[in-house]
PDB file of all heavy atoms in Angstrom:
ATOM      1  N   TYR A   1    -189.830  23.885 -54.646  1.00  0.00           N
ATOM      2  CA  TYR A   1    -190.330  22.815 -55.470  1.00  0.00           C
ATOM      3  C   TYR A   1    -190.402  21.509 -54.564  1.00  0.00           C
ATOM      4  O   TYR A   1    -189.398  21.300 -53.808  1.00  0.00           O
ATOM      5  CB  TYR A   1    -189.443  22.558 -56.675  1.00  0.00           C
ATOM      6  CG  TYR A   1    -189.832  21.474 -57.574  1.00  0.00           C
ATOM      7  CD1 TYR A   1    -190.849  21.627 -58.472  1.00  0.00           C
ATOM      8  CD2 TYR A   1    -189.299  20.161 -57.466  1.00  0.00           C
ATOM      9  CE1 TYR A   1    -191.271  20.589 -59.364  1.00  0.00           C
ATOM     10  CE2 TYR A   1    -189.660  19.137 -58.274  1.00  0.00           C
ATOM     11  CZ  TYR A   1    -190.659  19.365 -59.243  1.00  0.00           C
ATOM     12  OH  TYR A   1    -191.051  18.313 -60.034  1.00  0.00           O
ATOM     13  N   PRO A   2    -191.456  20.745 -54.664  1.00  0.00           N
ATOM     14  CA  PRO A   2    -192.568  20.814 -55.536  1.00  0.00           C
ATOM     15  C   PRO A   2    -193.896  21.228 -54.759  1.00  0.00           C
ATOM     16  O   PRO A   2    -194.910  20.582 -54.827  1.00  0.00           O
ATOM     17  CB  PRO A   2    -192.725  19.370 -55.986  1.00  0.00           C
ATOM     18  CG  PRO A   2    -192.315  18.566 -54.720  1.00  0.00           C
ATOM     19  CD  PRO A   2    -191.291  19.360 -53.980  1.00  0.00           C
ATOM     20  N   GLY A   3    -193.755  22.322 -54.006  1.00  0.00           N
ATOM     21  CA  GLY A   3    -194.935  22.835 -53.315  1.00  0.00           C
ATOM     22  C   GLY A   3    -196.036  23.259 -54.243  1.00  0.00           C
ATOM     23  O   GLY A   3    -195.804  23.585 -55.400  1.00  0.00           O
ATOM     24  N   ARG A   4    -197.226  23.296 -53.719  1.00  0.00           N
ATOM     25  CA  ARG A   4    -198.394  23.630 -54.511  1.00  0.00           C
ATOM     26  C   ARG A   4    -198.402  25.076 -54.994  1.00  0.00           C
ATOM     27  O   ARG A   4    -199.159  25.415 -55.959  1.00  0.00           O
ATOM     28  CB  ARG A   4    -199.694  23.351 -53.781  1.00  0.00           C
ATOM     29  CG  ARG A   4    -199.846  24.227 -52.538  1.00  0.00           C
ATOM     30  CD  ARG A   4    -201.245  24.099 -51.948  1.00  0.00           C
ATOM     31  NE  ARG A   4    -201.342  24.766 -50.627  1.00  0.00           N
ATOM     32  CZ  ARG A   4    -201.566  26.029 -50.475  1.00  0.00           C
ATOM     33  NH1 ARG A   4    -201.627  26.882 -51.442  1.00  0.00           N
ATOM     34  NH2 ARG A   4    -201.624  26.504 -49.193  1.00  0.00           N
ATOM     35  N   GLY A   5    -197.643  25.911 -54.337  1.00  0.00           N
ATOM     36  CA  GLY A   5    -197.726  27.361 -54.650  1.00  0.00           C
ATOM     37  C   GLY A   5    -198.726  28.000 -53.826  1.00  0.00           C
ATOM     38  O   GLY A   5    -199.514  27.316 -53.143  1.00  0.00           O
ATOM     39  N   TYR A   6    -198.818  29.360 -53.893  1.00  0.00           N
ATOM     40  CA  TYR A   6    -199.721  30.070 -53.019  1.00  0.00           C
ATOM     41  C   TYR A   6    -200.690  30.954 -53.849  1.00  0.00           C
ATOM     42  O   TYR A   6    -200.319  31.572 -54.805  1.00  0.00           O
ATOM     43  CB  TYR A   6    -198.936  30.923 -52.041  1.00  0.00           C
ATOM     44  CG  TYR A   6    -197.937  30.156 -51.274  1.00  0.00           C
ATOM     45  CD1 TYR A   6    -196.634  30.118 -51.600  1.00  0.00           C
ATOM     46  CD2 TYR A   6    -198.422  29.367 -50.147  1.00  0.00           C
ATOM     47  CE1 TYR A   6    -195.744  29.305 -50.842  1.00  0.00           C
ATOM     48  CE2 TYR A   6    -197.529  28.609 -49.400  1.00  0.00           C
ATOM     49  CZ  TYR A   6    -196.195  28.578 -49.759  1.00  0.00           C
ATOM     50  OH  TYR A   6    -195.304  27.828 -49.066  1.00  0.00           O
ATOM     51  N   LEU A   7    -201.981  30.868 -53.452  1.00  0.00           N
ATOM     52  CA  LEU A   7    -202.901  31.731 -54.131  1.00  0.00           C
ATOM     53  C   LEU A   7    -202.612  33.201 -54.024  1.00  0.00           C
ATOM     54  O   LEU A   7    -202.106  33.651 -53.030  1.00  0.00           O
ATOM     55  CB  LEU A   7    -204.365  31.463 -53.490  1.00  0.00           C
ATOM     56  CG  LEU A   7    -204.918  29.991 -53.674  1.00  0.00           C
ATOM     57  CD1 LEU A   7    -206.106  29.829 -52.789  1.00  0.00           C
ATOM     58  CD2 LEU A   7    -205.207  29.721 -55.127  1.00  0.00           C
ATOM     59  N   GLN A   8    -202.928  33.925 -55.100  1.00  0.00           N
ATOM     60  CA  GLN A   8    -202.494  35.328 -55.200  1.00  0.00           C
ATOM     61  C   GLN A   8    -203.665  36.364 -55.241  1.00  0.00           C
ATOM     62  O   GLN A   8    -203.555  37.383 -55.912  1.00  0.00           O
ATOM     63  CB  GLN A   8    -201.648  35.538 -56.463  1.00  0.00           C
ATOM     64  CG  GLN A   8    -200.446  34.631 -56.474  1.00  0.00           C
ATOM     65  CD  GLN A   8    -199.376  34.914 -55.393  1.00  0.00           C
ATOM     66  OE1 GLN A   8    -199.008  36.062 -55.175  1.00  0.00           O
ATOM     67  NE2 GLN A   8    -198.893  33.899 -54.676  1.00  0.00           N
ATOM     68  N   ALA A   9    -204.790  35.965 -54.619  1.00  0.00           N
ATOM     69  CA  ALA A   9    -206.029  36.676 -54.817  1.00  0.00           C
ATOM     70  C   ALA A   9    -206.479  37.459 -53.584  1.00  0.00           C
ATOM     71  O   ALA A   9    -207.639  37.540 -53.264  1.00  0.00           O
ATOM     72  CB  ALA A   9    -207.155  35.704 -55.177  1.00  0.00           C
ATOM     73  N   TYR A  10    -205.434  38.166 -52.918  1.00  0.00           N
ATOM     74  CA  TYR A  10    -205.767  38.675 -51.610  1.00  0.00           C
ATOM     75  C   TYR A  10    -205.596  40.182 -51.479  1.00  0.00           C
ATOM     76  O   TYR A  10    -205.744  40.760 -50.417  1.00  0.00           O
ATOM     77  CB  TYR A  10    -204.872  38.027 -50.511  1.00  0.00           C
ATOM     78  CG  TYR A  10    -205.314  36.500 -50.408  1.00  0.00           C
ATOM     79  CD1 TYR A  10    -204.811  35.581 -51.307  1.00  0.00           C
ATOM     80  CD2 TYR A  10    -206.217  36.151 -49.476  1.00  0.00           C
ATOM     81  CE1 TYR A  10    -205.271  34.269 -51.198  1.00  0.00           C
ATOM     82  CE2 TYR A  10    -206.648  34.835 -49.289  1.00  0.00           C
ATOM     83  CZ  TYR A  10    -206.165  33.901 -50.235  1.00  0.00           C
ATOM     84  OH  TYR A  10    -206.596  32.610 -50.118  1.00  0.00           O
ATOM     85  N   ASN A  11    -205.311  40.872 -52.594  1.00  0.00           N
ATOM     86  CA  ASN A  11    -205.344  42.396 -52.436  1.00  0.00           C
ATOM     87  C   ASN A  11    -206.868  42.810 -52.521  1.00  0.00           C
ATOM     88  O   ASN A  11    -207.678  42.087 -52.905  1.00  0.00           O
ATOM     89  CB  ASN A  11    -204.460  43.072 -53.428  1.00  0.00           C
ATOM     90  CG  ASN A  11    -204.992  43.072 -54.905  1.00  0.00           C
ATOM     91  OD1 ASN A  11    -206.145  42.900 -55.163  1.00  0.00           O
ATOM     92  ND2 ASN A  11    -204.018  43.266 -55.816  1.00  0.00           N
ATOM     93  N   ASP A  12    -207.106  44.053 -52.136  1.00  0.00           N
ATOM     94  CA  ASP A  12    -208.472  44.481 -52.072  1.00  0.00           C
ATOM     95  C   ASP A  12    -209.210  44.428 -53.387  1.00  0.00           C
ATOM     96  O   ASP A  12    -210.387  44.078 -53.451  1.00  0.00           O
ATOM     97  CB  ASP A  12    -208.492  45.969 -51.516  1.00  0.00           C
ATOM     98  CG  ASP A  12    -208.075  46.099 -50.070  1.00  0.00           C
ATOM     99  OD1 ASP A  12    -208.065  45.017 -49.390  1.00  0.00           O
ATOM    100  OD2 ASP A  12    -207.776  47.244 -49.656  1.00  0.00           O
ATOM    101  N   ASN A  13    -208.542  44.734 -54.484  1.00  0.00           N
ATOM    102  CA  ASN A  13    -209.159  44.676 -55.736  1.00  0.00           C
ATOM    103  C   ASN A  13    -209.567  43.216 -56.168  1.00  0.00           C
ATOM    104  O   ASN A  13    -210.659  43.010 -56.738  1.00  0.00           O
ATOM    105  CB  ASN A  13    -208.184  45.208 -56.915  1.00  0.00           C
ATOM    106  CG  ASN A  13    -207.950  46.672 -56.718  1.00  0.00           C
ATOM    107  OD1 ASN A  13    -208.768  47.400 -56.154  1.00  0.00           O
ATOM    108  ND2 ASN A  13    -206.772  47.150 -57.280  1.00  0.00           N
ATOM    109  N   ALA A  14    -208.749  42.252 -55.784  1.00  0.00           N
ATOM    110  CA  ALA A  14    -209.095  40.877 -56.111  1.00  0.00           C
ATOM    111  C   ALA A  14    -210.285  40.469 -55.319  1.00  0.00           C
ATOM    112  O   ALA A  14    -211.189  39.839 -55.848  1.00  0.00           O
ATOM    113  CB  ALA A  14    -207.837  39.965 -55.838  1.00  0.00           C
ATOM    114  N   ILE A  15    -210.286  40.791 -54.029  1.00  0.00           N
ATOM    115  CA  ILE A  15    -211.424  40.317 -53.142  1.00  0.00           C
ATOM    116  C   ILE A  15    -212.683  40.961 -53.659  1.00  0.00           C
ATOM    117  O   ILE A  15    -213.745  40.372 -53.690  1.00  0.00           O
ATOM    118  CB  ILE A  15    -211.100  40.668 -51.757  1.00  0.00           C
ATOM    119  CG1 ILE A  15    -209.919  39.863 -51.181  1.00  0.00           C
ATOM    120  CG2 ILE A  15    -212.295  40.467 -50.856  1.00  0.00           C
ATOM    121  CD1 ILE A  15    -209.378  40.264 -49.842  1.00  0.00           C
ATOM    122  N   ALA A  16    -212.655  42.265 -53.942  1.00  0.00           N
ATOM    123  CA  ALA A  16    -213.859  42.916 -54.499  1.00  0.00           C
ATOM    124  C   ALA A  16    -214.317  42.299 -55.776  1.00  0.00           C
ATOM    125  O   ALA A  16    -215.541  42.183 -56.008  1.00  0.00           O
ATOM    126  CB  ALA A  16    -213.570  44.405 -54.694  1.00  0.00           C
ATOM    127  N   ASP A  17    -213.438  41.903 -56.670  1.00  0.00           N
ATOM    128  CA  ASP A  17    -213.783  41.320 -57.932  1.00  0.00           C
ATOM    129  C   ASP A  17    -214.450  39.922 -57.601  1.00  0.00           C
ATOM    130  O   ASP A  17    -215.444  39.563 -58.313  1.00  0.00           O
ATOM    131  CB  ASP A  17    -212.547  41.107 -58.788  1.00  0.00           C
ATOM    132  CG  ASP A  17    -212.873  40.557 -60.219  1.00  0.00           C
ATOM    133  OD1 ASP A  17    -213.762  41.183 -60.823  1.00  0.00           O
ATOM    134  OD2 ASP A  17    -212.200  39.633 -60.661  1.00  0.00           O
ATOM    135  N   PHE A  18    -213.907  39.184 -56.695  1.00  0.00           N
ATOM    136  CA  PHE A  18    -214.543  37.867 -56.372  1.00  0.00           C
ATOM    137  C   PHE A  18    -215.950  38.100 -55.808  1.00  0.00           C
ATOM    138  O   PHE A  18    -216.887  37.387 -56.202  1.00  0.00           O
ATOM    139  CB  PHE A  18    -213.660  37.153 -55.342  1.00  0.00           C
ATOM    140  CG  PHE A  18    -214.219  35.808 -54.979  1.00  0.00           C
ATOM    141  CD1 PHE A  18    -214.647  34.907 -55.977  1.00  0.00           C
ATOM    142  CD2 PHE A  18    -214.261  35.391 -53.641  1.00  0.00           C
ATOM    143  CE1 PHE A  18    -215.080  33.620 -55.591  1.00  0.00           C
ATOM    144  CE2 PHE A  18    -214.716  34.133 -53.273  1.00  0.00           C
ATOM    145  CZ  PHE A  18    -215.158  33.274 -54.273  1.00  0.00           C
ATOM    146  N   GLN A  19    -216.148  39.123 -55.035  1.00  0.00           N
ATOM    147  CA  GLN A  19    -217.467  39.378 -54.429  1.00  0.00           C
ATOM    148  C   GLN A  19    -218.441  39.734 -55.539  1.00  0.00           C
ATOM    149  O   GLN A  19    -219.557  39.250 -55.564  1.00  0.00           O
ATOM    150  CB  GLN A  19    -217.342  40.471 -53.374  1.00  0.00           C
ATOM    151  CG  GLN A  19    -216.630  40.041 -52.156  1.00  0.00           C
ATOM    152  CD  GLN A  19    -216.290  41.192 -51.202  1.00  0.00           C
ATOM    153  OE1 GLN A  19    -216.415  42.356 -51.572  1.00  0.00           O
ATOM    154  NE2 GLN A  19    -215.791  40.901 -49.990  1.00  0.00           N
ATOM    155  N   THR A  20    -217.994  40.575 -56.413  1.00  0.00           N
ATOM    156  CA  THR A  20    -218.876  40.968 -57.567  1.00  0.00           C
ATOM    157  C   THR A  20    -219.232  39.729 -58.470  1.00  0.00           C
ATOM    158  O   THR A  20    -220.371  39.592 -58.850  1.00  0.00           O
ATOM    159  CB  THR A  20    -218.124  41.963 -58.438  1.00  0.00           C
ATOM    160  OG1 THR A  20    -217.880  43.134 -57.723  1.00  0.00           O
ATOM    161  CG2 THR A  20    -219.011  42.371 -59.683  1.00  0.00           C
ATOM    162  N   TYR A  21    -218.183  38.843 -58.725  1.00  0.00           N
ATOM    163  CA  TYR A  21    -218.488  37.665 -59.502  1.00  0.00           C
ATOM    164  C   TYR A  21    -219.584  36.830 -58.834  1.00  0.00           C
ATOM    165  O   TYR A  21    -220.505  36.342 -59.482  1.00  0.00           O
ATOM    166  CB  TYR A  21    -217.149  36.865 -59.556  1.00  0.00           C
ATOM    167  CG  TYR A  21    -217.253  35.583 -60.235  1.00  0.00           C
ATOM    168  CD1 TYR A  21    -217.174  35.397 -61.633  1.00  0.00           C
ATOM    169  CD2 TYR A  21    -217.395  34.421 -59.502  1.00  0.00           C
ATOM    170  CE1 TYR A  21    -217.231  34.178 -62.209  1.00  0.00           C
ATOM    171  CE2 TYR A  21    -217.522  33.158 -60.104  1.00  0.00           C
ATOM    172  CZ  TYR A  21    -217.455  33.009 -61.414  1.00  0.00           C
ATOM    173  OH  TYR A  21    -217.521  31.800 -62.072  1.00  0.00           O
ATOM    174  N   VAL A  22    -219.412  36.544 -57.559  1.00  0.00           N
ATOM    175  CA  VAL A  22    -220.361  35.711 -56.836  1.00  0.00           C
ATOM    176  C   VAL A  22    -221.834  36.367 -56.828  1.00  0.00           C
ATOM    177  O   VAL A  22    -222.793  35.645 -57.035  1.00  0.00           O
ATOM    178  CB  VAL A  22    -219.899  35.449 -55.433  1.00  0.00           C
ATOM    179  CG1 VAL A  22    -221.027  34.668 -54.600  1.00  0.00           C
ATOM    180  CG2 VAL A  22    -218.592  34.626 -55.443  1.00  0.00           C
ATOM    181  N   GLN A  23    -221.807  37.680 -56.590  1.00  0.00           N
ATOM    182  CA  GLN A  23    -223.121  38.370 -56.599  1.00  0.00           C
ATOM    183  C   GLN A  23    -223.749  38.268 -57.983  1.00  0.00           C
ATOM    184  O   GLN A  23    -224.996  38.068 -58.061  1.00  0.00           O
ATOM    185  CB  GLN A  23    -222.976  39.774 -56.203  1.00  0.00           C
ATOM    186  CG  GLN A  23    -224.226  40.569 -55.844  1.00  0.00           C
ATOM    187  CD  GLN A  23    -223.930  41.861 -55.184  1.00  0.00           C
ATOM    188  OE1 GLN A  23    -222.756  42.228 -54.940  1.00  0.00           O
ATOM    189  NE2 GLN A  23    -225.047  42.558 -54.784  1.00  0.00           N
ATOM    190  N   GLN A  24    -223.024  38.453 -59.003  1.00  0.00           N
ATOM    191  CA  GLN A  24    -223.667  38.315 -60.337  1.00  0.00           C
ATOM    192  C   GLN A  24    -224.099  36.939 -60.674  1.00  0.00           C
ATOM    193  O   GLN A  24    -225.093  36.698 -61.344  1.00  0.00           O
ATOM    194  CB  GLN A  24    -222.576  38.846 -61.392  1.00  0.00           C
ATOM    195  CG  GLN A  24    -222.319  40.343 -61.332  1.00  0.00           C
ATOM    196  CD  GLN A  24    -221.252  40.708 -62.311  1.00  0.00           C
ATOM    197  OE1 GLN A  24    -220.550  39.866 -62.857  1.00  0.00           O
ATOM    198  NE2 GLN A  24    -221.188  42.032 -62.519  1.00  0.00           N
ATOM    199  N   LYS A  25    -223.394  35.937 -60.126  1.00  0.00           N
ATOM    200  CA  LYS A  25    -223.790  34.543 -60.409  1.00  0.00           C
ATOM    201  C   LYS A  25    -224.994  34.107 -59.649  1.00  0.00           C
ATOM    202  O   LYS A  25    -225.892  33.483 -60.173  1.00  0.00           O
ATOM    203  CB  LYS A  25    -222.605  33.629 -60.117  1.00  0.00           C
ATOM    204  CG  LYS A  25    -223.026  32.149 -60.354  1.00  0.00           C
ATOM    205  CD  LYS A  25    -221.747  31.203 -60.224  1.00  0.00           C
ATOM    206  CE  LYS A  25    -222.203  29.784 -60.485  1.00  0.00           C
ATOM    207  NZ  LYS A  25    -221.016  28.874 -60.391  1.00  0.00           N
ATOM    208  N   TYR A  26    -225.085  34.523 -58.372  1.00  0.00           N
ATOM    209  CA  TYR A  26    -226.196  33.987 -57.500  1.00  0.00           C
ATOM    210  C   TYR A  26    -227.269  35.018 -57.123  1.00  0.00           C
ATOM    211  O   TYR A  26    -228.349  34.606 -56.699  1.00  0.00           O
ATOM    212  CB  TYR A  26    -225.562  33.504 -56.212  1.00  0.00           C
ATOM    213  CG  TYR A  26    -224.794  32.193 -56.329  1.00  0.00           C
ATOM    214  CD1 TYR A  26    -223.358  32.195 -56.382  1.00  0.00           C
ATOM    215  CD2 TYR A  26    -225.390  30.942 -56.619  1.00  0.00           C
ATOM    216  CE1 TYR A  26    -222.636  31.019 -56.577  1.00  0.00           C
ATOM    217  CE2 TYR A  26    -224.680  29.796 -56.792  1.00  0.00           C
ATOM    218  CZ  TYR A  26    -223.330  29.852 -56.782  1.00  0.00           C
ATOM    219  OH  TYR A  26    -222.587  28.615 -56.942  1.00  0.00           O
ATOM    220  N   GLN A  27    -227.009  36.286 -57.329  1.00  0.00           N
ATOM    221  CA  GLN A  27    -228.012  37.337 -57.190  1.00  0.00           C
ATOM    222  C   GLN A  27    -228.322  37.625 -55.715  1.00  0.00           C
ATOM    223  O   GLN A  27    -228.358  38.793 -55.289  1.00  0.00           O
ATOM    224  CB  GLN A  27    -229.237  36.991 -57.930  1.00  0.00           C
ATOM    225  CG  GLN A  27    -229.075  36.834 -59.433  1.00  0.00           C
ATOM    226  CD  GLN A  27    -228.556  38.176 -60.113  1.00  0.00           C
ATOM    227  OE1 GLN A  27    -229.100  39.273 -59.867  1.00  0.00           O
ATOM    228  NE2 GLN A  27    -227.507  38.006 -60.927  1.00  0.00           N
ATOM    229  N   THR A  28    -228.602  36.573 -54.925  1.00  0.00           N
ATOM    230  CA  THR A  28    -228.938  36.828 -53.529  1.00  0.00           C
ATOM    231  C   THR A  28    -228.066  35.959 -52.582  1.00  0.00           C
ATOM    232  O   THR A  28    -227.521  34.930 -53.020  1.00  0.00           O
ATOM    233  CB  THR A  28    -230.430  36.418 -53.244  1.00  0.00           C
ATOM    234  OG1 THR A  28    -230.554  34.970 -53.362  1.00  0.00           O
ATOM    235  CG2 THR A  28    -231.345  37.084 -54.222  1.00  0.00           C
ATOM    236  N   LEU A  29    -227.836  36.476 -51.362  1.00  0.00           N
ATOM    237  CA  LEU A  29    -227.124  35.694 -50.408  1.00  0.00           C
ATOM    238  C   LEU A  29    -227.751  34.378 -50.056  1.00  0.00           C
ATOM    239  O   LEU A  29    -227.090  33.384 -49.773  1.00  0.00           O
ATOM    240  CB  LEU A  29    -226.923  36.492 -49.113  1.00  0.00           C
ATOM    241  CG  LEU A  29    -225.843  37.570 -49.087  1.00  0.00           C
ATOM    242  CD1 LEU A  29    -225.879  38.379 -47.865  1.00  0.00           C
ATOM    243  CD2 LEU A  29    -224.455  36.877 -49.117  1.00  0.00           C
TER     244      LEU A  29
END
């Protein structure tokens, strides 16, 4: 305390979910 804490989105399932989310939102690179 009082650190900001650490993001927890780095296992393979999380990264794949983020990629899917972005692809669905923007459709193209």
